[in-house]
Every structure is written in structure tokens, then in C-alpha cells.
Amino acid sequence: MHRRRRLPDGSWGPLEKVGSIPTTEDQVMSLGEQLAQEKMKNIQKDLLINNLGSQLTKLKLDVITMKGGGE
């Protein structure tokens, strides 16, 4: 967006750029970064879930072994 300021003598000054609207390319880059961050979060969650599942399975096997069910 552009605007003109009134000068002390009452005339209008040159056009000045006010603020900026992100370009489509800027928006796509920003969304791409956000998407990559969300994907990383999901990968970390999946790894945590898989790790917890493995630990739970090991604990179940330990309990079965302690009860003598593995004999």
C-alpha cells in the first residue's frame, strides 16, 4: 500500500510505501516451513509411541515369564 504525506507548504509529497503484503512466494515458503515443523513433530510422536509400545511389550513378556507362563 502507498500513501502521500502533506508537506509543510500544503502540497503532496512523494508516494511512500506503507507496510507490506507478503507475496505468494513468501506465503508458500512460510507454509512450507510450518508443514515441515508439523511433520517433524508427528515423526517424534510416532517414534515415542513406537518406543512406548516396545517397552510395554517387553514388560508384558517379563510379567508372563515371572508368572511361569513361559515354561
PDB file of N, CA and C in Angstrom:
ATOM      1  N   MET A   1       0.848  -1.160   0.000  1.00  0.00           N
ATOM      2  CA  MET A   1       0.000   0.000   0.000  1.00  0.00           C
ATOM      3  C   MET A   1       0.903   1.235   0.000  1.00  0.00           C
ATOM      4  N   HIS A   2       0.442   2.267  -0.652  1.00  0.00           N
ATOM      5  CA  HIS A   2       1.205   3.504  -0.729  1.00  0.00           C
ATOM      6  C   HIS A   2       0.360   4.670  -0.214  1.00  0.00           C
ATOM      7  N   ARG A   3       1.023   5.712   0.200  1.00  0.00           N
ATOM      8  CA  ARG A   3       0.326   6.919   0.633  1.00  0.00           C
ATOM      9  C   ARG A   3       1.211   8.128   0.345  1.00  0.00           C
ATOM     10  N   ARG A   4       0.577   9.288   0.380  1.00  0.00           N
ATOM     11  CA  ARG A   4       1.311  10.546   0.232  1.00  0.00           C
ATOM     12  C   ARG A   4       1.088  11.359   1.493  1.00  0.00           C
ATOM     13  N   ARG A   5       2.132  11.994   1.941  1.00  0.00           N
ATOM     14  CA  ARG A   5       2.012  12.903   3.094  1.00  0.00           C
ATOM     15  C   ARG A   5       1.929  14.341   2.584  1.00  0.00           C
ATOM     16  N   ARG A   6       1.184  15.116   3.350  1.00  0.00           N
ATOM     17  CA  ARG A   6       1.103  16.534   3.004  1.00  0.00           C
ATOM     18  C   ARG A   6       2.350  17.221   3.559  1.00  0.00           C
ATOM     19  N   LEU A   7       2.999  17.981   2.713  1.00  0.00           N
ATOM     20  CA  LEU A   7       4.215  18.698   3.090  1.00  0.00           C
ATOM     21  C   LEU A   7       3.860  19.997   3.812  1.00  0.00           C
ATOM     22  N   PRO A   8       4.825  20.590   4.525  1.00  0.00           N
ATOM     23  CA  PRO A   8       4.552  21.832   5.262  1.00  0.00           C
ATOM     24  C   PRO A   8       3.995  22.951   4.391  1.00  0.00           C
ATOM     25  N   ASP A   9       4.344  22.952   3.094  1.00  0.00           N
ATOM     26  CA  ASP A   9       3.836  24.023   2.226  1.00  0.00           C
ATOM     27  C   ASP A   9       2.420  23.734   1.705  1.00  0.00           C
ATOM     28  N   GLY A  10       1.841  22.586   2.110  1.00  0.00           N
ATOM     29  CA  GLY A  10       0.475  22.245   1.709  1.00  0.00           C
ATOM     30  C   GLY A  10       0.395  21.331   0.510  1.00  0.00           C
ATOM     31  N   SER A  11       1.508  21.117  -0.191  1.00  0.00           N
ATOM     32  CA  SER A  11       1.493  20.226  -1.351  1.00  0.00           C
ATOM     33  C   SER A  11       1.652  18.776  -0.884  1.00  0.00           C
ATOM     34  N   TRP A  12       1.442  17.885  -1.823  1.00  0.00           N
ATOM     35  CA  TRP A  12       1.581  16.459  -1.514  1.00  0.00           C
ATOM     36  C   TRP A  12       3.009  15.999  -1.794  1.00  0.00           C
ATOM     37  N   GLY A  13       3.536  15.187  -0.907  1.00  0.00           N
ATOM     38  CA  GLY A  13       4.878  14.642  -1.074  1.00  0.00           C
ATOM     39  C   GLY A  13       4.865  13.420  -1.977  1.00  0.00           C
ATOM     40  N   PRO A  14       6.021  12.800  -2.128  1.00  0.00           N
ATOM     41  CA  PRO A  14       6.115  11.607  -2.982  1.00  0.00           C
ATOM     42  C   PRO A  14       5.378  10.418  -2.353  1.00  0.00           C
ATOM     43  N   LEU A  15       5.079   9.439  -3.190  1.00  0.00           N
ATOM     44  CA  LEU A  15       4.451   8.212  -2.694  1.00  0.00           C
ATOM     45  C   LEU A  15       5.416   7.495  -1.758  1.00  0.00           C
ATOM     46  N   GLU A  16       4.878   7.006  -0.636  1.00  0.00           N
ATOM     47  CA  GLU A  16       5.674   6.230   0.315  1.00  0.00           C
ATOM     48  C   GLU A  16       5.020   4.867   0.476  1.00  0.00           C
ATOM     49  N   LYS A  17       5.846   3.864   0.533  1.00  0.00           N
ATOM     50  CA  LYS A  17       5.328   2.516   0.751  1.00  0.00           C
ATOM     51  C   LYS A  17       4.995   2.361   2.233  1.00  0.00           C
ATOM     52  N   VAL A  18       3.789   1.893   2.527  1.00  0.00           N
ATOM     53  CA  VAL A  18       3.337   1.714   3.899  1.00  0.00           C
ATOM     54  C   VAL A  18       3.056   0.232   4.103  1.00  0.00           C
ATOM     55  N   GLY A  19       3.795  -0.384   5.033  1.00  0.00           N
ATOM     56  CA  GLY A  19       3.584  -1.811   5.302  1.00  0.00           C
ATOM     57  C   GLY A  19       3.923  -2.630   4.077  1.00  0.00           C
ATOM     58  N   SER A  20       3.731  -3.892   4.199  1.00  0.00           N
ATOM     59  CA  SER A  20       3.959  -4.758   3.050  1.00  0.00           C
ATOM     60  C   SER A  20       3.024  -5.953   3.143  1.00  0.00           C
ATOM     61  N   ILE A  21       2.568  -6.363   2.005  1.00  0.00           N
ATOM     62  CA  ILE A  21       1.720  -7.550   1.913  1.00  0.00           C
ATOM     63  C   ILE A  21       2.618  -8.681   1.442  1.00  0.00           C
ATOM     64  N   PRO A  22       2.635  -9.792   2.174  1.00  0.00           N
ATOM     65  CA  PRO A  22       3.501 -10.903   1.758  1.00  0.00           C
ATOM     66  C   PRO A  22       3.142 -11.379   0.351  1.00  0.00           C
ATOM     67  N   THR A  23       4.161 -11.657  -0.413  1.00  0.00           N
ATOM     68  CA  THR A  23       3.934 -12.174  -1.757  1.00  0.00           C
ATOM     69  C   THR A  23       3.477 -13.621  -1.661  1.00  0.00           C
ATOM     70  N   THR A  24       2.966 -14.136  -2.737  1.00  0.00           N
ATOM     71  CA  THR A  24       2.539 -15.533  -2.776  1.00  0.00           C
ATOM     72  C   THR A  24       3.725 -16.437  -2.474  1.00  0.00           C
ATOM     73  N   GLU A  25       4.878 -16.086  -3.008  1.00  0.00           N
ATOM     74  CA  GLU A  25       6.080 -16.888  -2.761  1.00  0.00           C
ATOM     75  C   GLU A  25       6.438 -16.894  -1.274  1.00  0.00           C
ATOM     76  N   ASP A  26       6.336 -15.726  -0.634  1.00  0.00           N
ATOM     77  CA  ASP A  26       6.609 -15.641   0.806  1.00  0.00           C
ATOM     78  C   ASP A  26       5.623 -16.502   1.599  1.00  0.00           C
ATOM     79  N   GLN A  27       4.352 -16.447   1.210  1.00  0.00           N
ATOM     80  CA  GLN A  27       3.337 -17.239   1.896  1.00  0.00           C
ATOM     81  C   GLN A  27       3.589 -18.730   1.729  1.00  0.00           C
ATOM     82  N   VAL A  28       3.963 -19.142   0.522  1.00  0.00           N
ATOM     83  CA  VAL A  28       4.242 -20.559   0.255  1.00  0.00           C
ATOM     84  C   VAL A  28       5.448 -21.016   1.067  1.00  0.00           C
ATOM     85  N   MET A  29       6.479 -20.176   1.136  1.00  0.00           N
ATOM     86  CA  MET A  29       7.669 -20.533   1.921  1.00  0.00           C
ATOM     87  C   MET A  29       7.321 -20.683   3.397  1.00  0.00           C
ATOM     88  N   SER A  30       6.522 -19.761   3.906  1.00  0.00           N
ATOM     89  CA  SER A  30       6.120 -19.806   5.310  1.00  0.00           C
ATOM     90  C   SER A  30       5.303 -21.059   5.599  1.00  0.00           C
ATOM     91  N   LEU A  31       4.361 -21.358   4.718  1.00  0.00           N
ATOM     92  CA  LEU A  31       3.542 -22.560   4.903  1.00  0.00           C
ATOM     93  C   LEU A  31       4.394 -23.820   4.792  1.00  0.00           C
ATOM     94  N   GLY A  32       5.378 -23.800   3.898  1.00  0.00           N
ATOM     95  CA  GLY A  32       6.285 -24.946   3.762  1.00  0.00           C
ATOM     96  C   GLY A  32       7.078 -25.177   5.041  1.00  0.00           C
ATOM     97  N   GLU A  33       7.540 -24.105   5.664  1.00  0.00           N
ATOM     98  CA  GLU A  33       8.277 -24.223   6.922  1.00  0.00           C
ATOM     99  C   GLU A  33       7.380 -24.768   8.028  1.00  0.00           C
ATOM    100  N   GLN A  34       6.147 -24.257   8.090  1.00  0.00           N
ATOM    101  CA  GLN A  34       5.203 -24.736   9.097  1.00  0.00           C
ATOM    102  C   GLN A  34       4.897 -26.214   8.890  1.00  0.00           C
ATOM    103  N   LEU A  35       4.726 -26.609   7.629  1.00  0.00           N
ATOM    104  CA  LEU A  35       4.442 -28.009   7.312  1.00  0.00           C
ATOM    105  C   LEU A  35       5.599 -28.901   7.729  1.00  0.00           C
ATOM    106  N   ALA A  36       6.822 -28.469   7.452  1.00  0.00           N
ATOM    107  CA  ALA A  36       8.000 -29.253   7.835  1.00  0.00           C
ATOM    108  C   ALA A  36       8.081 -29.401   9.353  1.00  0.00           C
ATOM    109  N   GLN A  37       7.770 -28.328  10.082  1.00  0.00           N
ATOM    110  CA  GLN A  37       7.791 -28.400  11.551  1.00  0.00           C
ATOM    111  C   GLN A  37       6.734 -29.367  12.060  1.00  0.00           C
ATOM    112  N   GLU A  38       5.544 -29.337  11.479  1.00  0.00           N
ATOM    113  CA  GLU A  38       4.477 -30.247  11.904  1.00  0.00           C
ATOM    114  C   GLU A  38       4.839 -31.693  11.589  1.00  0.00           C
ATOM    115  N   LYS A  39       5.469 -31.913  10.436  1.00  0.00           N
ATOM    116  CA  LYS A  39       5.893 -33.268  10.085  1.00  0.00           C
ATOM    117  C   LYS A  39       6.924 -33.791  11.084  1.00  0.00           C
ATOM    118  N   MET A  40       7.860 -32.925  11.483  1.00  0.00           N
ATOM    119  CA  MET A  40       8.862 -33.332  12.472  1.00  0.00           C
ATOM    120  C   MET A  40       8.200 -33.686  13.799  1.00  0.00           C
ATOM    121  N   LYS A  41       7.223 -32.885  14.219  1.00  0.00           N
ATOM    122  CA  LYS A  41       6.503 -33.175  15.455  1.00  0.00           C
ATOM    123  C   LYS A  41       5.807 -34.529  15.366  1.00  0.00           C
ATOM    124  N   ASN A  42       5.183 -34.803  14.215  1.00  0.00           N
ATOM    125  CA  ASN A  42       4.486 -36.082  14.038  1.00  0.00           C
ATOM    126  C   ASN A  42       5.459 -37.250  14.037  1.00  0.00           C
ATOM    127  N   ILE A  43       6.624 -37.071  13.420  1.00  0.00           N
ATOM    128  CA  ILE A  43       7.637 -38.130  13.420  1.00  0.00           C
ATOM    129  C   ILE A  43       8.090 -38.409  14.846  1.00  0.00           C
ATOM    130  N   GLN A  44       8.314 -37.340  15.626  1.00  0.00           N
ATOM    131  CA  GLN A  44       8.731 -37.514  17.020  1.00  0.00           C
ATOM    132  C   GLN A  44       7.650 -38.229  17.822  1.00  0.00           C
ATOM    133  N   LYS A  45       6.397 -37.877  17.600  1.00  0.00           N
ATOM    134  CA  LYS A  45       5.289 -38.540  18.298  1.00  0.00           C
ATOM    135  C   LYS A  45       5.239 -40.018  17.928  1.00  0.00           C
ATOM    136  N   ASP A  46       5.380 -40.307  16.617  1.00  0.00           N
ATOM    137  CA  ASP A  46       5.352 -41.705  16.170  1.00  0.00           C
ATOM    138  C   ASP A  46       6.477 -42.507  16.805  1.00  0.00           C
ATOM    139  N   LEU A  47       7.675 -41.922  16.867  1.00  0.00           N
ATOM    140  CA  LEU A  47       8.806 -42.612  17.488  1.00  0.00           C
ATOM    141  C   LEU A  47       8.542 -42.875  18.964  1.00  0.00           C
ATOM    142  N   LEU A  48       7.974 -41.905  19.653  1.00  0.00           N
ATOM    143  CA  LEU A  48       7.653 -42.061  21.070  1.00  0.00           C
ATOM    144  C   LEU A  48       6.618 -43.166  21.268  1.00  0.00           C
ATOM    145  N   ILE A  49       5.573 -43.154  20.443  1.00  0.00           N
ATOM    146  CA  ILE A  49       4.531 -44.181  20.545  1.00  0.00           C
ATOM    147  C   ILE A  49       5.117 -45.561  20.291  1.00  0.00           C
ATOM    148  N   ASN A  50       5.955 -45.689  19.263  1.00  0.00           N
ATOM    149  CA  ASN A  50       6.565 -46.993  18.959  1.00  0.00           C
ATOM    150  C   ASN A  50       7.471 -47.450  20.094  1.00  0.00           C
ATOM    151  N   ASN A  51       8.231 -46.516  20.663  1.00  0.00           N
ATOM    152  CA  ASN A  51       9.124 -46.846  21.766  1.00  0.00           C
ATOM    153  C   ASN A  51       8.324 -47.309  22.981  1.00  0.00           C
ATOM    154  N   LEU A  52       7.250 -46.595  23.303  1.00  0.00           N
ATOM    155  CA  LEU A  52       6.409 -46.985  24.435  1.00  0.00           C
ATOM    156  C   LEU A  52       5.751 -48.339  24.187  1.00  0.00           C
ATOM    157  N   GLY A  53       5.339 -48.588  22.947  1.00  0.00           N
ATOM    158  CA  GLY A  53       4.751 -49.890  22.604  1.00  0.00           C
ATOM    159  C   GLY A  53       5.751 -51.020  22.808  1.00  0.00           C
ATOM    160  N   SER A  54       7.000 -50.781  22.411  1.00  0.00           N
ATOM    161  CA  SER A  54       8.049 -51.794  22.597  1.00  0.00           C
ATOM    162  C   SER A  54       8.306 -52.048  24.074  1.00  0.00           C
ATOM    163  N   GLN A  55       8.339 -50.976  24.863  1.00  0.00           N
ATOM    164  CA  GLN A  55       8.564 -51.134  26.304  1.00  0.00           C
ATOM    165  C   GLN A  55       7.414 -51.888  26.951  1.00  0.00           C
ATOM    166  N   LEU A  56       6.189 -51.592  26.527  1.00  0.00           N
ATOM    167  CA  LEU A  56       5.030 -52.273  27.081  1.00  0.00           C
ATOM    168  C   LEU A  56       5.064 -53.765  26.744  1.00  0.00           C
ATOM    169  N   THR A  57       5.419 -54.094  25.519  1.00  0.00           N
ATOM    170  CA  THR A  57       5.522 -55.492  25.114  1.00  0.00           C
ATOM    171  C   THR A  57       6.578 -56.212  25.940  1.00  0.00           C
ATOM    172  N   LYS A  58       7.720 -55.573  26.148  1.00  0.00           N
ATOM    173  CA  LYS A  58       8.786 -56.178  26.954  1.00  0.00           C
ATOM    174  C   LYS A  58       8.308 -56.411  28.381  1.00  0.00           C
ATOM    175  N   LEU A  59       7.616 -55.430  28.957  1.00  0.00           N
ATOM    176  CA  LEU A  59       7.107 -55.581  30.318  1.00  0.00           C
ATOM    177  C   LEU A  59       6.091 -56.721  30.409  1.00  0.00           C
ATOM    178  N   LYS A  60       5.230 -56.844  29.415  1.00  0.00           N
ATOM    179  CA  LYS A  60       4.252 -57.937  29.404  1.00  0.00           C
ATOM    180  C   LYS A  60       4.960 -59.287  29.360  1.00  0.00           C
ATOM    181  N   LEU A  61       6.001 -59.374  28.526  1.00  0.00           N
ATOM    182  CA  LEU A  61       6.758 -60.630  28.447  1.00  0.00           C
ATOM    183  C   LEU A  61       7.452 -60.924  29.775  1.00  0.00           C
ATOM    184  N   ASP A  62       7.984 -59.894  30.433  1.00  0.00           N
ATOM    185  CA  ASP A  62       8.623 -60.073  31.741  1.00  0.00           C
ATOM    186  C   ASP A  62       7.616 -60.586  32.758  1.00  0.00           C
ATOM    187  N   VAL A  63       6.405 -60.032  32.755  1.00  0.00           N
ATOM    188  CA  VAL A  63       5.373 -60.473  33.700  1.00  0.00           C
ATOM    189  C   VAL A  63       4.995 -61.927  33.423  1.00  0.00           C
ATOM    190  N   ILE A  64       4.828 -62.272  32.150  1.00  0.00           N
ATOM    191  CA  ILE A  64       4.494 -63.656  31.801  1.00  0.00           C
ATOM    192  C   ILE A  64       5.590 -64.604  32.269  1.00  0.00           C
ATOM    193  N   THR A  65       6.846 -64.195  32.065  1.00  0.00           N
ATOM    194  CA  THR A  65       7.978 -65.025  32.476  1.00  0.00           C
ATOM    195  C   THR A  65       8.007 -65.182  33.994  1.00  0.00           C
ATOM    196  N   MET A  66       7.749 -64.076  34.722  1.00  0.00           N
ATOM    197  CA  MET A  66       7.767 -64.136  36.187  1.00  0.00           C
ATOM    198  C   MET A  66       6.640 -65.015  36.708  1.00  0.00           C
ATOM    199  N   LYS A  67       5.507 -65.070  36.024  1.00  0.00           N
ATOM    200  CA  LYS A  67       4.380 -65.897  36.459  1.00  0.00           C
ATOM    201  C   LYS A  67       4.617 -67.354  36.107  1.00  0.00           C
ATOM    202  N   GLY A  68       5.626 -67.625  35.315  1.00  0.00           N
ATOM    203  CA  GLY A  68       5.919 -69.000  34.935  1.00  0.00           C
ATOM    204  C   GLY A  68       5.149 -69.425  33.694  1.00  0.00           C
ATOM    205  N   GLY A  69       4.567 -68.491  33.011  1.00  0.00           N
ATOM    206  CA  GLY A  69       3.795 -68.826  31.818  1.00  0.00           C
ATOM    207  C   GLY A  69       4.659 -69.160  30.623  1.00  0.00           C
ATOM    208  N   GLY A  70       5.919 -68.865  30.710  1.00  0.00           N
ATOM    209  CA  GLY A  70       6.797 -69.135  29.570  1.00  0.00           C
ATOM    210  C   GLY A  70       7.380 -70.541  29.604  1.00  0.00           C
ATOM    211  N   GLU A  71       7.008 -71.355  30.584  1.00  0.00           N
ATOM    212  CA  GLU A  71       7.584 -72.722  30.709  1.00  0.00           C
ATOM    213  C   GLU A  71       6.723 -73.737  30.070  1.00  0.00           C
TER     214      GLU A  71
END
